[in-house]
Amino acid sequence: QPELWTVLDRVRDIRRFPEPAYGRWRPA
């Protein structure tokens, strides 16, 4: 389910910081 995976991956990003693809870097 690549489309659903992409949506959820984007949500994980912006939950940490409002910037797709890079928000996940914030905790580290």
PDB file of all heavy atoms in Angstrom:
ATOM      1  N   GLN A   1       0.843  -1.200   0.000  1.00  0.00           N
ATOM      2  CA  GLN A   1       0.000   0.000   0.000  1.00  0.00           C
ATOM      3  C   GLN A   1       0.885   1.260   0.000  1.00  0.00           C
ATOM      4  O   GLN A   1       0.930   1.987   0.988  1.00  0.00           O
ATOM      5  CB  GLN A   1      -0.924  -0.010   1.224  1.00  0.00           C
ATOM      6  CG  GLN A   1      -1.841  -1.217   1.274  1.00  0.00           C
ATOM      7  CD  GLN A   1      -2.886  -1.100   2.353  1.00  0.00           C
ATOM      8  OE1 GLN A   1      -3.729  -0.197   2.313  1.00  0.00           O
ATOM      9  NE2 GLN A   1      -2.819  -1.994   3.336  1.00  0.00           N
ATOM     10  N   PRO A   2       1.586   1.513  -1.090  1.00  0.00           N
ATOM     11  CA  PRO A   2       2.538   2.626  -1.115  1.00  0.00           C
ATOM     12  C   PRO A   2       1.899   3.997  -0.913  1.00  0.00           C
ATOM     13  O   PRO A   2       2.496   4.877  -0.292  1.00  0.00           O
ATOM     14  CB  PRO A   2       3.188   2.514  -2.502  1.00  0.00           C
ATOM     15  CG  PRO A   2       2.219   1.709  -3.322  1.00  0.00           C
ATOM     16  CD  PRO A   2       1.578   0.766  -2.356  1.00  0.00           C
ATOM     17  N   GLU A   3       0.665   4.189  -1.433  1.00  0.00           N
ATOM     18  CA  GLU A   3       0.021   5.490  -1.272  1.00  0.00           C
ATOM     19  C   GLU A   3      -0.306   5.756   0.195  1.00  0.00           C
ATOM     20  O   GLU A   3      -0.040   6.842   0.719  1.00  0.00           O
ATOM     21  CB  GLU A   3      -1.257   5.580  -2.117  1.00  0.00           C
ATOM     22  CG  GLU A   3      -1.022   5.532  -3.615  1.00  0.00           C
ATOM     23  CD  GLU A   3      -0.928   4.109  -4.139  1.00  0.00           C
ATOM     24  OE1 GLU A   3      -1.054   3.151  -3.331  1.00  0.00           O
ATOM     25  OE2 GLU A   3      -0.721   3.946  -5.362  1.00  0.00           O
ATOM     26  N   LEU A   4      -0.861   4.754   0.877  1.00  0.00           N
ATOM     27  CA  LEU A   4      -1.192   4.904   2.281  1.00  0.00           C
ATOM     28  C   LEU A   4       0.072   5.067   3.117  1.00  0.00           C
ATOM     29  O   LEU A   4       0.121   5.879   4.040  1.00  0.00           O
ATOM     30  CB  LEU A   4      -1.995   3.703   2.765  1.00  0.00           C
ATOM     31  CG  LEU A   4      -2.420   3.723   4.248  1.00  0.00           C
ATOM     32  CD1 LEU A   4      -3.238   4.978   4.560  1.00  0.00           C
ATOM     33  CD2 LEU A   4      -3.208   2.460   4.589  1.00  0.00           C
ATOM     34  N   TRP A   5       1.102   4.294   2.772  1.00  0.00           N
ATOM     35  CA  TRP A   5       2.375   4.424   3.490  1.00  0.00           C
ATOM     36  C   TRP A   5       2.919   5.843   3.376  1.00  0.00           C
ATOM     37  O   TRP A   5       3.411   6.416   4.359  1.00  0.00           O
ATOM     38  CB  TRP A   5       3.396   3.431   2.928  1.00  0.00           C
ATOM     39  CG  TRP A   5       4.737   3.516   3.615  1.00  0.00           C
ATOM     40  CD1 TRP A   5       5.163   2.790   4.685  1.00  0.00           C
ATOM     41  CD2 TRP A   5       5.820   4.397   3.269  1.00  0.00           C
ATOM     42  NE1 TRP A   5       6.429   3.157   5.048  1.00  0.00           N
ATOM     43  CE2 TRP A   5       6.855   4.150   4.190  1.00  0.00           C
ATOM     44  CE3 TRP A   5       5.999   5.369   2.287  1.00  0.00           C
ATOM     45  CZ2 TRP A   5       8.068   4.832   4.142  1.00  0.00           C
ATOM     46  CZ3 TRP A   5       7.199   6.060   2.246  1.00  0.00           C
ATOM     47  CH2 TRP A   5       8.225   5.791   3.162  1.00  0.00           C
ATOM     48  N   THR A   6       2.840   6.442   2.180  1.00  0.00           N
ATOM     49  CA  THR A   6       3.353   7.796   1.954  1.00  0.00           C
ATOM     50  C   THR A   6       2.599   8.811   2.806  1.00  0.00           C
ATOM     51  O   THR A   6       3.197   9.715   3.395  1.00  0.00           O
ATOM     52  CB  THR A   6       3.243   8.164   0.463  1.00  0.00           C
ATOM     53  OG1 THR A   6       4.035   7.245  -0.300  1.00  0.00           O
ATOM     54  CG2 THR A   6       3.731   9.577   0.219  1.00  0.00           C
ATOM     55  N   VAL A   7       1.279   8.668   2.879  1.00  0.00           N
ATOM     56  CA  VAL A   7       0.476   9.586   3.702  1.00  0.00           C
ATOM     57  C   VAL A   7       0.866   9.486   5.161  1.00  0.00           C
ATOM     58  O   VAL A   7       1.078  10.498   5.843  1.00  0.00           O
ATOM     59  CB  VAL A   7      -1.025   9.299   3.512  1.00  0.00           C
ATOM     60  CG1 VAL A   7      -1.851  10.083   4.533  1.00  0.00           C
ATOM     61  CG2 VAL A   7      -1.462   9.635   2.095  1.00  0.00           C
ATOM     62  N   LEU A   8       0.973   8.259   5.680  1.00  0.00           N
ATOM     63  CA  LEU A   8       1.313   8.075   7.085  1.00  0.00           C
ATOM     64  C   LEU A   8       2.740   8.554   7.382  1.00  0.00           C
ATOM     65  O   LEU A   8       3.008   9.106   8.450  1.00  0.00           O
ATOM     66  CB  LEU A   8       1.159   6.603   7.473  1.00  0.00           C
ATOM     67  CG  LEU A   8      -0.273   6.071   7.453  1.00  0.00           C
ATOM     68  CD1 LEU A   8      -0.300   4.576   7.760  1.00  0.00           C
ATOM     69  CD2 LEU A   8      -1.144   6.828   8.455  1.00  0.00           C
ATOM     70  N   ASP A   9       3.645   8.355   6.422  1.00  0.00           N
ATOM     71  CA  ASP A   9       5.020   8.812   6.618  1.00  0.00           C
ATOM     72  C   ASP A   9       5.067  10.333   6.704  1.00  0.00           C
ATOM     73  O   ASP A   9       5.802  10.903   7.528  1.00  0.00           O
ATOM     74  CB  ASP A   9       5.896   8.324   5.456  1.00  0.00           C
ATOM     75  CG  ASP A   9       7.362   8.624   5.668  1.00  0.00           C
ATOM     76  OD1 ASP A   9       7.957   8.053   6.609  1.00  0.00           O
ATOM     77  OD2 ASP A   9       7.919   9.437   4.905  1.00  0.00           O
ATOM     78  N   ARG A  10       4.263  10.997   5.893  1.00  0.00           N
ATOM     79  CA  ARG A  10       4.196  12.466   5.932  1.00  0.00           C
ATOM     80  C   ARG A  10       3.614  12.939   7.263  1.00  0.00           C
ATOM     81  O   ARG A  10       4.096  13.909   7.842  1.00  0.00           O
ATOM     82  CB  ARG A  10       3.340  12.974   4.776  1.00  0.00           C
ATOM     83  CG  ARG A  10       3.192  14.485   4.714  1.00  0.00           C
ATOM     84  CD  ARG A  10       2.229  14.889   3.620  1.00  0.00           C
ATOM     85  NE  ARG A  10       2.018  16.325   3.600  1.00  0.00           N
ATOM     86  CZ  ARG A  10       2.647  17.169   2.801  1.00  0.00           C
ATOM     87  NH1 ARG A  10       3.564  16.720   1.975  1.00  0.00           N
ATOM     88  NH2 ARG A  10       2.387  18.462   2.829  1.00  0.00           N
ATOM     89  N   VAL A  11       2.612  12.238   7.757  1.00  0.00           N
ATOM     90  CA  VAL A  11       2.014  12.595   9.046  1.00  0.00           C
ATOM     91  C   VAL A  11       3.049  12.483  10.162  1.00  0.00           C
ATOM     92  O   VAL A  11       3.126  13.339  11.050  1.00  0.00           O
ATOM     93  CB  VAL A  11       0.792  11.712   9.347  1.00  0.00           C
ATOM     94  CG1 VAL A  11       0.334  11.890  10.787  1.00  0.00           C
ATOM     95  CG2 VAL A  11      -0.344  12.042   8.381  1.00  0.00           C
ATOM     96  N   ARG A  12       3.858  11.420  10.128  1.00  0.00           N
ATOM     97  CA  ARG A  12       4.904  11.247  11.140  1.00  0.00           C
ATOM     98  C   ARG A  12       5.886  12.416  11.108  1.00  0.00           C
ATOM     99  O   ARG A  12       6.366  12.876  12.141  1.00  0.00           O
ATOM    100  CB  ARG A  12       5.641   9.930  10.919  1.00  0.00           C
ATOM    101  CG  ARG A  12       4.888   8.712  11.419  1.00  0.00           C
ATOM    102  CD  ARG A  12       5.805   7.491  11.436  1.00  0.00           C
ATOM    103  NE  ARG A  12       6.160   7.067  10.088  1.00  0.00           N
ATOM    104  CZ  ARG A  12       5.490   6.161   9.393  1.00  0.00           C
ATOM    105  NH1 ARG A  12       4.402   5.600   9.918  1.00  0.00           N
ATOM    106  NH2 ARG A  12       5.881   5.807   8.192  1.00  0.00           N
ATOM    107  N   ASP A  13       6.196  12.889   9.895  1.00  0.00           N
ATOM    108  CA  ASP A  13       7.099  14.043   9.751  1.00  0.00           C
ATOM    109  C   ASP A  13       6.527  15.281  10.412  1.00  0.00           C
ATOM    110  O   ASP A  13       7.149  15.870  11.295  1.00  0.00           O
ATOM    111  CB  ASP A  13       7.319  14.346   8.258  1.00  0.00           C
ATOM    112  CG  ASP A  13       8.587  13.708   7.724  1.00  0.00           C
ATOM    113  OD1 ASP A  13       9.440  13.322   8.534  1.00  0.00           O
ATOM    114  OD2 ASP A  13       8.698  13.594   6.499  1.00  0.00           O
ATOM    115  N   ILE A  14       5.366  15.688   9.961  1.00  0.00           N
ATOM    116  CA  ILE A  14       4.841  16.981  10.388  1.00  0.00           C
ATOM    117  C   ILE A  14       4.335  16.967  11.821  1.00  0.00           C
ATOM    118  O   ILE A  14       4.114  18.032  12.404  1.00  0.00           O
ATOM    119  CB  ILE A  14       3.749  17.481   9.417  1.00  0.00           C
ATOM    120  CG1 ILE A  14       2.571  16.518   9.380  1.00  0.00           C
ATOM    121  CG2 ILE A  14       4.322  17.682   8.021  1.00  0.00           C
ATOM    122  CD1 ILE A  14       1.434  17.002   8.483  1.00  0.00           C
ATOM    123  N   ARG A  15       4.138  15.772  12.407  1.00  0.00           N
ATOM    124  CA  ARG A  15       3.782  15.708  13.820  1.00  0.00           C
ATOM    125  C   ARG A  15       4.953  16.248  14.659  1.00  0.00           C
ATOM    126  O   ARG A  15       4.755  16.900  15.682  1.00  0.00           O
ATOM    127  CB  ARG A  15       3.468  14.267  14.211  1.00  0.00           C
ATOM    128  CG  ARG A  15       3.052  14.110  15.681  1.00  0.00           C
ATOM    129  CD  ARG A  15       2.917  12.651  16.034  1.00  0.00           C
ATOM    130  NE  ARG A  15       1.950  11.978  15.161  1.00  0.00           N
ATOM    131  CZ  ARG A  15       1.927  10.667  14.970  1.00  0.00           C
ATOM    132  NH1 ARG A  15       2.842   9.898  15.543  1.00  0.00           N
ATOM    133  NH2 ARG A  15       0.999  10.137  14.196  1.00  0.00           N
ATOM    134  N   ARG A  16       6.178  15.981  14.217  1.00  0.00           N
ATOM    135  CA  ARG A  16       7.352  16.428  14.951  1.00  0.00           C
ATOM    136  C   ARG A  16       7.694  17.885  14.644  1.00  0.00           C
ATOM    137  O   ARG A  16       8.114  18.637  15.519  1.00  0.00           O
ATOM    138  CB  ARG A  16       8.543  15.536  14.606  1.00  0.00           C
ATOM    139  CG  ARG A  16       8.360  14.079  15.016  1.00  0.00           C
ATOM    140  CD  ARG A  16       9.582  13.259  14.648  1.00  0.00           C
ATOM    141  NE  ARG A  16       9.466  11.880  15.100  1.00  0.00           N
ATOM    142  CZ  ARG A  16       9.101  10.876  14.329  1.00  0.00           C
ATOM    143  NH1 ARG A  16       8.775  11.111  13.053  1.00  0.00           N
ATOM    144  NH2 ARG A  16       9.039   9.655  14.794  1.00  0.00           N
ATOM    145  N   PHE A  17       7.528  18.254  13.376  1.00  0.00           N
ATOM    146  CA  PHE A  17       7.854  19.613  12.934  1.00  0.00           C
ATOM    147  C   PHE A  17       7.156  19.824  11.600  1.00  0.00           C
ATOM    148  O   PHE A  17       7.174  18.925  10.749  1.00  0.00           O
ATOM    149  CB  PHE A  17       9.373  19.780  12.787  1.00  0.00           C
ATOM    150  CG  PHE A  17       9.812  21.181  12.450  1.00  0.00           C
ATOM    151  CD1 PHE A  17       9.835  22.160  13.431  1.00  0.00           C
ATOM    152  CD2 PHE A  17      10.189  21.527  11.161  1.00  0.00           C
ATOM    153  CE1 PHE A  17      10.235  23.460  13.139  1.00  0.00           C
ATOM    154  CE2 PHE A  17      10.589  22.818  10.854  1.00  0.00           C
ATOM    155  CZ  PHE A  17      10.604  23.780  11.848  1.00  0.00           C
ATOM    156  N   PRO A  18       6.555  20.995  11.367  1.00  0.00           N
ATOM    157  CA  PRO A  18       5.724  21.179  10.158  1.00  0.00           C
ATOM    158  C   PRO A  18       6.541  21.370   8.887  1.00  0.00           C
ATOM    159  O   PRO A  18       6.503  22.420   8.240  1.00  0.00           O
ATOM    160  CB  PRO A  18       4.905  22.426  10.499  1.00  0.00           C
ATOM    161  CG  PRO A  18       5.770  23.199  11.433  1.00  0.00           C
ATOM    162  CD  PRO A  18       6.484  22.172  12.258  1.00  0.00           C
ATOM    163  N   GLU A  19       7.279  20.330   8.518  1.00  0.00           N
ATOM    164  CA  GLU A  19       8.071  20.365   7.284  1.00  0.00           C
ATOM    165  C   GLU A  19       8.177  18.947   6.738  1.00  0.00           C
ATOM    166  O   GLU A  19       8.889  18.116   7.303  1.00  0.00           O
ATOM    167  CB  GLU A  19       9.461  20.945   7.550  1.00  0.00           C
ATOM    168  CG  GLU A  19      10.270  21.174   6.293  1.00  0.00           C
ATOM    169  CD  GLU A  19      11.557  21.923   6.555  1.00  0.00           C
ATOM    170  OE1 GLU A  19      12.127  21.780   7.652  1.00  0.00           O
ATOM    171  OE2 GLU A  19      11.997  22.670   5.658  1.00  0.00           O
ATOM    172  N   PRO A  20       7.472  18.645   5.652  1.00  0.00           N
ATOM    173  CA  PRO A  20       7.501  17.296   5.095  1.00  0.00           C
ATOM    174  C   PRO A  20       8.923  16.862   4.748  1.00  0.00           C
ATOM    175  O   PRO A  20       9.740  17.662   4.301  1.00  0.00           O
ATOM    176  CB  PRO A  20       6.643  17.420   3.830  1.00  0.00           C
ATOM    177  CG  PRO A  20       5.756  18.597   4.088  1.00  0.00           C
ATOM    178  CD  PRO A  20       6.573  19.543   4.916  1.00  0.00           C
ATOM    179  N   ALA A  21       9.189  15.582   4.970  1.00  0.00           N
ATOM    180  CA  ALA A  21      10.457  14.924   4.655  1.00  0.00           C
ATOM    181  C   ALA A  21      11.573  15.234   5.639  1.00  0.00           C
ATOM    182  O   ALA A  21      12.510  14.456   5.776  1.00  0.00           O
ATOM    183  CB  ALA A  21      10.921  15.255   3.238  1.00  0.00           C
ATOM    184  N   TYR A  22      11.504  16.367   6.343  1.00  0.00           N
ATOM    185  CA  TYR A  22      12.591  16.745   7.238  1.00  0.00           C
ATOM    186  C   TYR A  22      12.173  16.853   8.702  1.00  0.00           C
ATOM    187  O   TYR A  22      13.032  16.869   9.588  1.00  0.00           O
ATOM    188  CB  TYR A  22      13.195  18.082   6.795  1.00  0.00           C
ATOM    189  CG  TYR A  22      13.770  18.049   5.403  1.00  0.00           C
ATOM    190  CD1 TYR A  22      13.072  18.581   4.322  1.00  0.00           C
ATOM    191  CD2 TYR A  22      15.000  17.451   5.157  1.00  0.00           C
ATOM    192  CE1 TYR A  22      13.591  18.535   3.042  1.00  0.00           C
ATOM    193  CE2 TYR A  22      15.532  17.401   3.878  1.00  0.00           C
ATOM    194  CZ  TYR A  22      14.817  17.939   2.822  1.00  0.00           C
ATOM    195  OH  TYR A  22      15.338  17.890   1.559  1.00  0.00           O
ATOM    196  N   GLY A  23      10.879  16.941   8.980  1.00  0.00           N
ATOM    197  CA  GLY A  23      10.421  17.112  10.349  1.00  0.00           C
ATOM    198  C   GLY A  23      10.890  16.016  11.287  1.00  0.00           C
ATOM    199  O   GLY A  23      11.106  16.237  12.484  1.00  0.00           O
ATOM    200  N   ARG A  24      11.092  14.813  10.753  1.00  0.00           N
ATOM    201  CA  ARG A  24      11.513  13.673  11.567  1.00  0.00           C
ATOM    202  C   ARG A  24      12.896  13.867  12.186  1.00  0.00           C
ATOM    203  O   ARG A  24      13.280  13.131  13.093  1.00  0.00           O
ATOM    204  CB  ARG A  24      11.513  12.404  10.717  1.00  0.00           C
ATOM    205  CG  ARG A  24      12.610  12.384   9.655  1.00  0.00           C
ATOM    206  CD  ARG A  24      12.475  11.188   8.721  1.00  0.00           C
ATOM    207  NE  ARG A  24      11.240  11.279   7.978  1.00  0.00           N
ATOM    208  CZ  ARG A  24      10.509  10.219   7.651  1.00  0.00           C
ATOM    209  NH1 ARG A  24      10.884   9.011   8.016  1.00  0.00           N
ATOM    210  NH2 ARG A  24       9.399  10.376   6.960  1.00  0.00           N
ATOM    211  N   TRP A  25      13.666  14.821  11.668  1.00  0.00           N
ATOM    212  CA  TRP A  25      15.039  15.014  12.170  1.00  0.00           C
ATOM    213  C   TRP A  25      15.044  15.731  13.522  1.00  0.00           C
ATOM    214  O   TRP A  25      16.044  15.717  14.219  1.00  0.00           O
ATOM    215  CB  TRP A  25      15.851  15.797  11.149  1.00  0.00           C
ATOM    216  CG  TRP A  25      17.332  15.640  11.279  1.00  0.00           C
ATOM    217  CD1 TRP A  25      18.021  14.549  11.701  1.00  0.00           C
ATOM    218  CD2 TRP A  25      18.328  16.625  10.952  1.00  0.00           C
ATOM    219  NE1 TRP A  25      19.374  14.773  11.665  1.00  0.00           N
ATOM    220  CE2 TRP A  25      19.587  16.038  11.199  1.00  0.00           C
ATOM    221  CE3 TRP A  25      18.260  17.923  10.465  1.00  0.00           C
ATOM    222  CZ2 TRP A  25      20.783  16.723  10.983  1.00  0.00           C
ATOM    223  CZ3 TRP A  25      19.453  18.606  10.250  1.00  0.00           C
ATOM    224  CH2 TRP A  25      20.692  18.019  10.503  1.00  0.00           C
ATOM    225  N   ARG A  26      13.936  16.345  13.899  1.00  0.00           N
ATOM    226  CA  ARG A  26      13.911  17.180  15.094  1.00  0.00           C
ATOM    227  C   ARG A  26      14.348  16.458  16.371  1.00  0.00           C
ATOM    228  O   ARG A  26      15.216  16.978  17.095  1.00  0.00           O
ATOM    229  CB  ARG A  26      12.518  17.785  15.279  1.00  0.00           C
ATOM    230  CG  ARG A  26      12.410  18.636  16.537  1.00  0.00           C
ATOM    231  CD  ARG A  26      11.035  19.234  16.726  1.00  0.00           C
ATOM    232  NE  ARG A  26      10.985  20.108  17.897  1.00  0.00           N
ATOM    233  CZ  ARG A  26       9.951  20.874  18.196  1.00  0.00           C
ATOM    234  NH1 ARG A  26       8.888  20.893  17.426  1.00  0.00           N
ATOM    235  NH2 ARG A  26       9.996  21.637  19.271  1.00  0.00           N
ATOM    236  N   PRO A  27      13.784  15.295  16.732  1.00  0.00           N
ATOM    237  CA  PRO A  27      14.186  14.675  18.002  1.00  0.00           C
ATOM    238  C   PRO A  27      15.683  14.387  18.073  1.00  0.00           C
ATOM    239  O   PRO A  27      16.320  14.630  19.106  1.00  0.00           O
ATOM    240  CB  PRO A  27      13.366  13.383  18.038  1.00  0.00           C
ATOM    241  CG  PRO A  27      12.196  13.649  17.148  1.00  0.00           C
ATOM    242  CD  PRO A  27      12.721  14.522  16.061  1.00  0.00           C
ATOM    243  N   ALA A  28      16.253  13.863  16.990  1.00  0.00           N
ATOM    244  CA  ALA A  28      17.681  13.548  16.992  1.00  0.00           C
ATOM    245  C   ALA A  28      18.525  14.811  17.095  1.00  0.00           C
ATOM    246  O   ALA A  28      19.564  14.832  17.774  1.00  0.00           O
ATOM    247  CB  ALA A  28      18.043  12.770  15.727  1.00  0.00           C
TER     248      ALA A  28
END
